[in-house]
Amino acid sequence: MNYLIIDPVSMVAVNGFAQKHPNTNPNDYINYRPVLGDATIGWIWNEDSETWSSPSAVLVTIEEVRAIRTRMLLESDWVVAVSDYPNSDKDEWIAYRQLLRDYPATYTPVEQPIWPAHPV
């Protein structure tokens, strides 16, 4: 597997396509990140989602995330409002809705946010 070497402060790939050697101390590779997709020098590593963003990528802002999250909560209000919905299923929906509420607190701008999976 090939790796890009990042600047640990800016998280920007500054050197590229290195490979790890099996008999080397793992601490020597602390700034190595796997090459995924089209990532190359100049791309930005997102530690939370473990993905690369193009320097020209349009990142989803926290305001957009909050708007999407609010819509997702509104779309699932009916589950907790229906009194005869099965309790075991309702508990899953309640947990899902809590994950949605908590999501903006941990969000780092990325191209494609990874949302909690809703119960089926």
C-alpha atoms as a PDB file:
ATOM      1  CA  MET A   1       0.000   0.000   0.000  1.00  0.00           C
ATOM      2  CA  ASN A   2       1.203   3.514  -0.774  1.00  0.00           C
ATOM      3  CA  TYR A   3       1.065   6.350   1.714  1.00  0.00           C
ATOM      4  CA  LEU A   4       1.082  10.134   1.634  1.00  0.00           C
ATOM      5  CA  ILE A   5       3.067  11.954   4.279  1.00  0.00           C
ATOM      6  CA  ILE A   6       1.127  14.751   5.971  1.00  0.00           C
ATOM      7  CA  ASP A   7       2.098  17.908   7.768  1.00  0.00           C
ATOM      8  CA  PRO A   8       0.740  17.139  11.272  1.00  0.00           C
ATOM      9  CA  VAL A   9      -0.465  20.710  11.831  1.00  0.00           C
ATOM     10  CA  SER A  10      -2.249  21.484   8.564  1.00  0.00           C
ATOM     11  CA  MET A  11      -2.992  17.813   7.723  1.00  0.00           C
ATOM     12  CA  VAL A  12      -1.974  18.539   4.118  1.00  0.00           C
ATOM     13  CA  ALA A  13      -0.100  15.862   2.160  1.00  0.00           C
ATOM     14  CA  VAL A  14       3.418  17.234   1.671  1.00  0.00           C
ATOM     15  CA  ASN A  15       5.192  14.197   0.261  1.00  0.00           C
ATOM     16  CA  GLY A  16       3.902  11.156  -1.407  1.00  0.00           C
ATOM     17  CA  PHE A  17       3.642   7.552  -2.293  1.00  0.00           C
ATOM     18  CA  ALA A  18       5.951   6.137   0.343  1.00  0.00           C
ATOM     19  CA  GLN A  19       5.673   2.558   1.511  1.00  0.00           C
ATOM     20  CA  LYS A  20       6.048   1.228   5.032  1.00  0.00           C
ATOM     21  CA  HIS A  21       8.848  -1.254   5.588  1.00  0.00           C
ATOM     22  CA  PRO A  22       8.053  -4.243   7.802  1.00  0.00           C
ATOM     23  CA  ASN A  23      11.096  -4.066  10.095  1.00  0.00           C
ATOM     24  CA  THR A  24      10.806  -0.378  10.957  1.00  0.00           C
ATOM     25  CA  ASN A  25       9.523   1.170  14.164  1.00  0.00           C
ATOM     26  CA  PRO A  26       5.787   2.049  13.704  1.00  0.00           C
ATOM     27  CA  ASN A  27       6.440   5.455  15.327  1.00  0.00           C
ATOM     28  CA  ASP A  28       8.474   6.350  12.244  1.00  0.00           C
ATOM     29  CA  TYR A  29       5.196   6.315  10.291  1.00  0.00           C
ATOM     30  CA  ILE A  30       3.080   8.536  12.539  1.00  0.00           C
ATOM     31  CA  ASN A  31       2.525  11.062   9.721  1.00  0.00           C
ATOM     32  CA  TYR A  32       1.753   8.500   7.014  1.00  0.00           C
ATOM     33  CA  ARG A  33      -1.812   8.203   5.689  1.00  0.00           C
ATOM     34  CA  PRO A  34      -3.006   5.672   3.089  1.00  0.00           C
ATOM     35  CA  VAL A  35      -3.496   6.843  -0.480  1.00  0.00           C
ATOM     36  CA  LEU A  36      -7.223   6.601  -1.174  1.00  0.00           C
ATOM     37  CA  GLY A  37      -8.885   7.395  -4.485  1.00  0.00           C
ATOM     38  CA  ASP A  38      -7.241  10.295  -6.325  1.00  0.00           C
ATOM     39  CA  ALA A  39      -5.473  11.717  -3.260  1.00  0.00           C
ATOM     40  CA  THR A  40      -2.080  13.222  -3.928  1.00  0.00           C
ATOM     41  CA  ILE A  41       0.256  15.930  -2.608  1.00  0.00           C
ATOM     42  CA  GLY A  42      -1.723  19.010  -1.560  1.00  0.00           C
ATOM     43  CA  TRP A  43      -4.834  17.093  -0.507  1.00  0.00           C
ATOM     44  CA  ILE A  44      -6.157  17.472   3.045  1.00  0.00           C
ATOM     45  CA  TRP A  45      -6.507  14.527   5.437  1.00  0.00           C
ATOM     46  CA  ASN A  46      -9.571  14.412   7.712  1.00  0.00           C
ATOM     47  CA  GLU A  47      -8.608  12.428  10.787  1.00  0.00           C
ATOM     48  CA  ASP A  48     -12.204  11.901  11.982  1.00  0.00           C
ATOM     49  CA  SER A  49     -13.583  10.381   8.780  1.00  0.00           C
ATOM     50  CA  GLU A  50     -10.205   9.019   7.579  1.00  0.00           C
ATOM     51  CA  THR A  51     -10.739  10.497   4.128  1.00  0.00           C
ATOM     52  CA  TRP A  52      -8.917  12.895   1.818  1.00  0.00           C
ATOM     53  CA  SER A  53     -10.365  16.159   0.497  1.00  0.00           C
ATOM     54  CA  SER A  54      -9.196  17.856  -2.643  1.00  0.00           C
ATOM     55  CA  PRO A  55      -7.832  21.363  -1.981  1.00  0.00           C
ATOM     56  CA  SER A  56     -10.603  22.640  -4.241  1.00  0.00           C
ATOM     57  CA  ALA A  57     -13.266  20.435  -2.673  1.00  0.00           C
ATOM     58  CA  VAL A  58     -16.498  22.010  -1.521  1.00  0.00           C
ATOM     59  CA  LEU A  59     -16.790  21.120   2.137  1.00  0.00           C
ATOM     60  CA  VAL A  60     -20.144  20.813   3.877  1.00  0.00           C
ATOM     61  CA  THR A  61     -20.308  23.569   6.514  1.00  0.00           C
ATOM     62  CA  ILE A  62     -21.552  23.140  10.065  1.00  0.00           C
ATOM     63  CA  GLU A  63     -24.586  25.278   9.169  1.00  0.00           C
ATOM     64  CA  GLU A  64     -25.469  22.894   6.322  1.00  0.00           C
ATOM     65  CA  VAL A  65     -24.981  19.911   8.640  1.00  0.00           C
ATOM     66  CA  ARG A  66     -27.340  21.438  11.197  1.00  0.00           C
ATOM     67  CA  ALA A  67     -29.984  22.071   8.518  1.00  0.00           C
ATOM     68  CA  ILE A  68     -29.743  18.487   7.228  1.00  0.00           C
ATOM     69  CA  ARG A  69     -29.777  17.140  10.784  1.00  0.00           C
ATOM     70  CA  THR A  70     -32.906  19.173  11.617  1.00  0.00           C
ATOM     71  CA  ARG A  71     -34.658  17.804   8.528  1.00  0.00           C
ATOM     72  CA  MET A  72     -33.683  14.245   9.489  1.00  0.00           C
ATOM     73  CA  LEU A  73     -35.047  14.781  13.004  1.00  0.00           C
ATOM     74  CA  LEU A  74     -38.314  16.191  11.649  1.00  0.00           C
ATOM     75  CA  GLU A  75     -38.671  13.230   9.300  1.00  0.00           C
ATOM     76  CA  SER A  76     -38.360  10.814  12.222  1.00  0.00           C
ATOM     77  CA  ASP A  77     -40.588  12.676  14.722  1.00  0.00           C
ATOM     78  CA  TRP A  78     -43.520  10.408  13.910  1.00  0.00           C
ATOM     79  CA  VAL A  79     -41.760   7.355  15.375  1.00  0.00           C
ATOM     80  CA  VAL A  80     -41.510   8.794  18.875  1.00  0.00           C
ATOM     81  CA  ALA A  81     -44.940  10.437  18.627  1.00  0.00           C
ATOM     82  CA  VAL A  82     -46.817   7.201  17.804  1.00  0.00           C
ATOM     83  CA  SER A  83     -47.839   5.608  21.079  1.00  0.00           C
ATOM     84  CA  ASP A  84     -48.345   2.089  19.712  1.00  0.00           C
ATOM     85  CA  TYR A  85     -44.967   1.836  17.925  1.00  0.00           C
ATOM     86  CA  PRO A  86     -43.105  -1.271  19.264  1.00  0.00           C
ATOM     87  CA  ASN A  87     -40.935  -0.266  22.223  1.00  0.00           C
ATOM     88  CA  SER A  88     -37.847  -2.180  21.084  1.00  0.00           C
ATOM     89  CA  ASP A  89     -37.941  -0.464  17.698  1.00  0.00           C
ATOM     90  CA  LYS A  90     -38.781   2.866  19.309  1.00  0.00           C
ATOM     91  CA  ASP A  91     -35.670   2.585  21.510  1.00  0.00           C
ATOM     92  CA  GLU A  92     -33.506   2.199  18.389  1.00  0.00           C
ATOM     93  CA  TRP A  93     -35.094   5.304  16.874  1.00  0.00           C
ATOM     94  CA  ILE A  94     -34.607   7.262  20.095  1.00  0.00           C
ATOM     95  CA  ALA A  95     -30.905   6.289  20.111  1.00  0.00           C
ATOM     96  CA  TYR A  96     -30.598   7.239  16.427  1.00  0.00           C
ATOM     97  CA  ARG A  97     -32.201  10.637  17.063  1.00  0.00           C
ATOM     98  CA  GLN A  98     -29.752  11.238  19.935  1.00  0.00           C
ATOM     99  CA  LEU A  99     -26.833  10.466  17.607  1.00  0.00           C
ATOM    100  CA  LEU A 100     -28.246  13.049  15.180  1.00  0.00           C
ATOM    101  CA  ARG A 101     -28.483  15.646  17.946  1.00  0.00           C
ATOM    102  CA  ASP A 102     -24.884  14.955  19.017  1.00  0.00           C
ATOM    103  CA  TYR A 103     -23.440  14.866  15.484  1.00  0.00           C
ATOM    104  CA  PRO A 104     -22.694  18.603  15.033  1.00  0.00           C
ATOM    105  CA  ALA A 105     -20.615  18.638  18.223  1.00  0.00           C
ATOM    106  CA  THR A 106     -18.065  16.272  16.665  1.00  0.00           C
ATOM    107  CA  TYR A 107     -18.363  17.384  13.035  1.00  0.00           C
ATOM    108  CA  THR A 108     -15.287  18.408  11.058  1.00  0.00           C
ATOM    109  CA  PRO A 109     -16.039  19.844   7.584  1.00  0.00           C
ATOM    110  CA  VAL A 110     -15.710  17.203   4.860  1.00  0.00           C
ATOM    111  CA  GLU A 111     -17.043  16.745   1.313  1.00  0.00           C
ATOM    112  CA  GLN A 112     -19.370  13.892   2.260  1.00  0.00           C
ATOM    113  CA  PRO A 113     -20.479  13.772   5.906  1.00  0.00           C
ATOM    114  CA  ILE A 114     -20.984  10.270   7.293  1.00  0.00           C
ATOM    115  CA  TRP A 115     -24.358  10.263   9.021  1.00  0.00           C
ATOM    116  CA  PRO A 116     -25.539   7.823  11.676  1.00  0.00           C
ATOM    117  CA  ALA A 117     -27.449   4.952  10.099  1.00  0.00           C
ATOM    118  CA  HIS A 118     -31.146   5.096  10.883  1.00  0.00           C
ATOM    119  CA  PRO A 119     -33.023   2.010  12.060  1.00  0.00           C
ATOM    120  CA  VAL A 120     -34.808   0.067   9.376  1.00  0.00           C
END
